[in-house]
C-alpha atoms as a PDB file:
ATOM      1  CA  UNK A   1       0.000   0.000   0.000  1.00  0.00           C
ATOM      2  CA  UNK A   2       2.850   2.401   0.814  1.00  0.00           C
ATOM      3  CA  UNK A   3       4.527   1.649  -2.512  1.00  0.00           C
ATOM      4  CA  UNK A   4       1.301   2.465  -4.350  1.00  0.00           C
ATOM      5  CA  UNK A   5       1.023   5.769  -2.477  1.00  0.00           C
ATOM      6  CA  UNK A   6       4.622   6.676  -3.358  1.00  0.00           C
ATOM      7  CA  UNK A   7       4.099   5.785  -7.030  1.00  0.00           C
ATOM      8  CA  UNK A   8       0.890   7.827  -7.106  1.00  0.00           C
ATOM      9  CA  UNK A   9       2.614  10.790  -5.463  1.00  0.00           C
ATOM     10  CA  UNK A  10       5.479  10.662  -7.980  1.00  0.00           C
ATOM     11  CA  UNK A  11       3.000  10.429 -10.878  1.00  0.00           C
ATOM     12  CA  UNK A  12       1.035  13.453  -9.658  1.00  0.00           C
ATOM     13  CA  UNK A  13       4.225  15.478  -9.101  1.00  0.00           C
ATOM     14  CA  UNK A  14       5.486  14.585 -12.586  1.00  0.00           C
ATOM     15  CA  UNK A  15       2.186  15.624 -14.138  1.00  0.00           C
ATOM     16  CA  UNK A  16       2.251  18.964 -12.306  1.00  0.00           C
ATOM     17  CA  UNK A  17       5.808  19.687 -13.454  1.00  0.00           C
ATOM     18  CA  UNK A  18       5.044  18.683 -17.035  1.00  0.00           C
ATOM     19  CA  UNK A  19       1.910  20.819 -17.168  1.00  0.00           C
ATOM     20  CA  UNK A  20       3.759  23.873 -15.862  1.00  0.00           C
ATOM     21  CA  UNK A  21       6.485  23.506 -18.493  1.00  0.00           C
ATOM     22  CA  UNK A  22       4.215  24.711 -21.301  1.00  0.00           C
ATOM     23  CA  UNK A  23       1.164  26.856 -20.680  1.00  0.00           C
ATOM     24  CA  UNK A  24      -0.070  26.917 -24.321  1.00  0.00           C
ATOM     25  CA  UNK A  25      -2.565  29.043 -26.232  1.00  0.00           C
ATOM     26  CA  UNK A  26      -4.336  31.748 -24.300  1.00  0.00           C
ATOM     27  CA  UNK A  27      -7.707  32.974 -25.580  1.00  0.00           C
ATOM     28  CA  UNK A  28      -8.951  36.472 -24.724  1.00  0.00           C
ATOM     29  CA  UNK A  29      -9.938  36.538 -21.055  1.00  0.00           C
ATOM     30  CA  UNK A  30      -7.972  33.362 -20.274  1.00  0.00           C
ATOM     31  CA  UNK A  31      -5.220  32.900 -17.712  1.00  0.00           C
ATOM     32  CA  UNK A  32      -2.076  30.766 -17.870  1.00  0.00           C
ATOM     33  CA  UNK A  33       0.254  29.912 -14.998  1.00  0.00           C
ATOM     34  CA  UNK A  34       3.983  29.139 -14.915  1.00  0.00           C
ATOM     35  CA  UNK A  35       5.634  27.818 -11.771  1.00  0.00           C
ATOM     36  CA  UNK A  36       9.380  28.262 -11.151  1.00  0.00           C
ATOM     37  CA  UNK A  37      10.090  28.677 -14.870  1.00  0.00           C
ATOM     38  CA  UNK A  38      13.571  29.556 -16.121  1.00  0.00           C
ATOM     39  CA  UNK A  39      11.995  31.690 -18.855  1.00  0.00           C
ATOM     40  CA  UNK A  40       8.514  32.765 -19.944  1.00  0.00           C
ATOM     41  CA  UNK A  41       7.747  33.790 -23.520  1.00  0.00           C
ATOM     42  CA  UNK A  42       4.515  35.553 -24.453  1.00  0.00           C
ATOM     43  CA  UNK A  43       3.739  35.772 -28.194  1.00  0.00           C
ATOM     44  CA  UNK A  44       0.977  37.581 -30.044  1.00  0.00           C
ATOM     45  CA  UNK A  45      -1.000  35.207 -32.252  1.00  0.00           C
ATOM     46  CA  UNK A  46      -2.630  38.027 -34.227  1.00  0.00           C
ATOM     47  CA  UNK A  47      -6.280  38.898 -34.305  1.00  0.00           C
ATOM     48  CA  UNK A  48      -8.840  41.526 -35.222  1.00  0.00           C
ATOM     49  CA  UNK A  49      -8.017  45.084 -36.272  1.00  0.00           C
ATOM     50  CA  UNK A  50      -4.272  45.696 -35.852  1.00  0.00           C
ATOM     51  CA  UNK A  51      -3.634  42.423 -34.054  1.00  0.00           C
ATOM     52  CA  UNK A  52      -2.843  43.999 -30.712  1.00  0.00           C
ATOM     53  CA  UNK A  53      -2.218  41.543 -27.902  1.00  0.00           C
ATOM     54  CA  UNK A  54      -2.502  42.783 -24.343  1.00  0.00           C
ATOM     55  CA  UNK A  55      -1.860  40.931 -21.102  1.00  0.00           C
ATOM     56  CA  UNK A  56      -1.337  41.458 -17.408  1.00  0.00           C
ATOM     57  CA  UNK A  57       1.348  39.535 -15.575  1.00  0.00           C
ATOM     58  CA  UNK A  58       1.192  38.810 -11.826  1.00  0.00           C
ATOM     59  CA  UNK A  59       4.260  37.686  -9.878  1.00  0.00           C
ATOM     60  CA  UNK A  60       3.852  35.730  -6.638  1.00  0.00           C
ATOM     61  CA  UNK A  61       7.403  36.629  -5.570  1.00  0.00           C
ATOM     62  CA  UNK A  62       6.669  40.363  -5.443  1.00  0.00           C
ATOM     63  CA  UNK A  63       2.836  40.393  -5.535  1.00  0.00           C
ATOM     64  CA  UNK A  64       3.055  42.950  -8.341  1.00  0.00           C
ATOM     65  CA  UNK A  65       1.052  43.119 -11.556  1.00  0.00           C
ATOM     66  CA  UNK A  66       2.065  44.916 -14.732  1.00  0.00           C
ATOM     67  CA  UNK A  67       0.718  45.084 -18.247  1.00  0.00           C
ATOM     68  CA  UNK A  68       2.320  44.402 -21.600  1.00  0.00           C
ATOM     69  CA  UNK A  69       1.195  45.181 -25.130  1.00  0.00           C
ATOM     70  CA  UNK A  70       2.388  43.162 -28.108  1.00  0.00           C
ATOM     71  CA  UNK A  71       1.406  45.039 -31.250  1.00  0.00           C
ATOM     72  CA  UNK A  72       3.631  44.117 -34.200  1.00  0.00           C
ATOM     73  CA  UNK A  73       1.497  45.922 -36.778  1.00  0.00           C
ATOM     74  CA  UNK A  74       0.630  48.989 -34.700  1.00  0.00           C
ATOM     75  CA  UNK A  75       2.488  52.206 -35.430  1.00  0.00           C
ATOM     76  CA  UNK A  76       1.555  53.872 -32.133  1.00  0.00           C
ATOM     77  CA  UNK A  77      -0.208  56.694 -33.965  1.00  0.00           C
ATOM     78  CA  UNK A  78       2.932  57.939 -35.752  1.00  0.00           C
ATOM     79  CA  UNK A  79       3.049  58.611 -39.455  1.00  0.00           C
ATOM     80  CA  UNK A  80       5.325  56.440 -41.586  1.00  0.00           C
ATOM     81  CA  UNK A  81       8.332  58.698 -40.939  1.00  0.00           C
ATOM     82  CA  UNK A  82       8.062  58.431 -37.160  1.00  0.00           C
ATOM     83  CA  UNK A  83       5.966  61.539 -36.627  1.00  0.00           C
ATOM     84  CA  UNK A  84       8.832  63.988 -36.479  1.00  0.00           C
ATOM     85  CA  UNK A  85      10.379  64.328 -39.933  1.00  0.00           C
ATOM     86  CA  UNK A  86      10.632  68.124 -39.751  1.00  0.00           C
ATOM     87  CA  UNK A  87      12.244  68.050 -36.313  1.00  0.00           C
ATOM     88  CA  UNK A  88      14.541  65.195 -37.321  1.00  0.00           C
ATOM     89  CA  UNK A  89      15.784  67.195 -40.341  1.00  0.00           C
ATOM     90  CA  UNK A  90      16.507  70.267 -38.214  1.00  0.00           C
ATOM     91  CA  UNK A  91      18.726  68.353 -35.821  1.00  0.00           C
ATOM     92  CA  UNK A  92      20.080  66.015 -38.527  1.00  0.00           C
ATOM     93  CA  UNK A  93      18.855  62.912 -36.732  1.00  0.00           C
ATOM     94  CA  UNK A  94      17.489  59.711 -38.257  1.00  0.00           C
ATOM     95  CA  UNK A  95      13.935  58.626 -37.519  1.00  0.00           C
ATOM     96  CA  UNK A  96      13.686  56.549 -34.358  1.00  0.00           C
ATOM     97  CA  UNK A  97      10.272  55.121 -35.210  1.00  0.00           C
ATOM     98  CA  UNK A  98       9.741  51.362 -35.089  1.00  0.00           C
ATOM     99  CA  UNK A  99       6.750  49.060 -35.060  1.00  0.00           C
ATOM    100  CA  UNK A 100       5.736  47.105 -31.962  1.00  0.00           C
ATOM    101  CA  UNK A 101       7.095  43.696 -31.000  1.00  0.00           C
ATOM    102  CA  UNK A 102       5.329  40.358 -31.506  1.00  0.00           C
ATOM    103  CA  UNK A 103       6.832  38.581 -28.483  1.00  0.00           C
ATOM    104  CA  UNK A 104       8.606  39.156 -25.191  1.00  0.00           C
ATOM    105  CA  UNK A 105      10.688  36.762 -23.075  1.00  0.00           C
ATOM    106  CA  UNK A 106      11.197  37.075 -19.337  1.00  0.00           C
ATOM    107  CA  UNK A 107      14.255  35.280 -17.941  1.00  0.00           C
ATOM    108  CA  UNK A 108      14.864  34.192 -14.374  1.00  0.00           C
ATOM    109  CA  UNK A 109      17.304  36.402 -12.489  1.00  0.00           C
ATOM    110  CA  UNK A 110      19.434  33.982 -10.456  1.00  0.00           C
ATOM    111  CA  UNK A 111      21.408  36.725  -8.731  1.00  0.00           C
ATOM    112  CA  UNK A 112      18.374  38.132  -6.944  1.00  0.00           C
ATOM    113  CA  UNK A 113      16.866  36.777  -3.786  1.00  0.00           C
ATOM    114  CA  UNK A 114      13.122  36.274  -3.905  1.00  0.00           C
ATOM    115  CA  UNK A 115      11.324  39.576  -4.344  1.00  0.00           C
ATOM    116  CA  UNK A 116      14.357  41.759  -5.091  1.00  0.00           C
ATOM    117  CA  UNK A 117      13.470  42.187  -8.757  1.00  0.00           C
ATOM    118  CA  UNK A 118      10.244  43.753 -10.016  1.00  0.00           C
ATOM    119  CA  UNK A 119       9.886  41.077 -12.699  1.00  0.00           C
ATOM    120  CA  UNK A 120      11.196  38.109 -10.708  1.00  0.00           C
ATOM    121  CA  UNK A 121       9.701  34.984 -12.331  1.00  0.00           C
ATOM    122  CA  UNK A 122      10.570  32.670  -9.429  1.00  0.00           C
ATOM    123  CA  UNK A 123       7.496  31.084  -7.906  1.00  0.00           C
ATOM    124  CA  UNK A 124       4.104  31.372  -9.596  1.00  0.00           C
ATOM    125  CA  UNK A 125       3.567  33.779 -12.497  1.00  0.00           C
ATOM    126  CA  UNK A 126       0.049  34.255 -13.877  1.00  0.00           C
ATOM    127  CA  UNK A 127      -0.513  35.716 -17.343  1.00  0.00           C
ATOM    128  CA  UNK A 128      -4.022  36.971 -18.172  1.00  0.00           C
ATOM    129  CA  UNK A 129      -4.991  37.842 -21.740  1.00  0.00           C
ATOM    130  CA  UNK A 130      -6.740  41.223 -21.498  1.00  0.00           C
ATOM    131  CA  UNK A 131      -6.776  41.871 -25.254  1.00  0.00           C
ATOM    132  CA  UNK A 132      -8.717  40.625 -28.269  1.00  0.00           C
ATOM    133  CA  UNK A 133      -5.937  38.530 -29.880  1.00  0.00           C
ATOM    134  CA  UNK A 134      -4.872  35.029 -28.970  1.00  0.00           C
ATOM    135  CA  UNK A 135      -1.576  34.807 -27.117  1.00  0.00           C
ATOM    136  CA  UNK A 136       0.833  31.902 -26.804  1.00  0.00           C
ATOM    137  CA  UNK A 137       2.570  31.429 -23.466  1.00  0.00           C
ATOM    138  CA  UNK A 138       5.599  29.166 -23.167  1.00  0.00           C
ATOM    139  CA  UNK A 139       7.108  28.317 -19.785  1.00  0.00           C
ATOM    140  CA  UNK A 140      10.678  27.129 -20.194  1.00  0.00           C
END
C-alpha cells in the first residue's frame, strides 16, 4: 500500500511539473500559470483590427502586476516617418520610429533573492490575456 502511495505521489508530481512547463494558447480573457520557470515567452498570435495583444502579468514573488502590449502591426499613432520628420531634419537625426514587437521573453534572475526584482519569475507567475488577440505562453 505504501509503494502504491509513493508511485501515485510521484506520478502526480510529474504531471504537475510537465503541465507547468508549457502553458499553451491563451484565448482572450484566459489565464495561464507558470511555476518556477527559467523563462517565460509571451507571443501575439494576431487577431482583429491591428492584431494587438494585451496581457497582465502577476508575480507571486513580489505580488506585483504589470501590463504588456504586443502590437507588431501597430504604429503607435505615428506617421510612416516616425511623426517627427521636420524636427529630425533640423537636428540632422534619423527617424527613431519602429513598429511594436510580436513577443517578449522574461528570464529568471538567479542573482536576486526572492522579491528583489520587479519582474522576478521565481514562484508562480500568472498571465491573463486582457486583449482581443490570442496569445501563446511558453514556460521554459
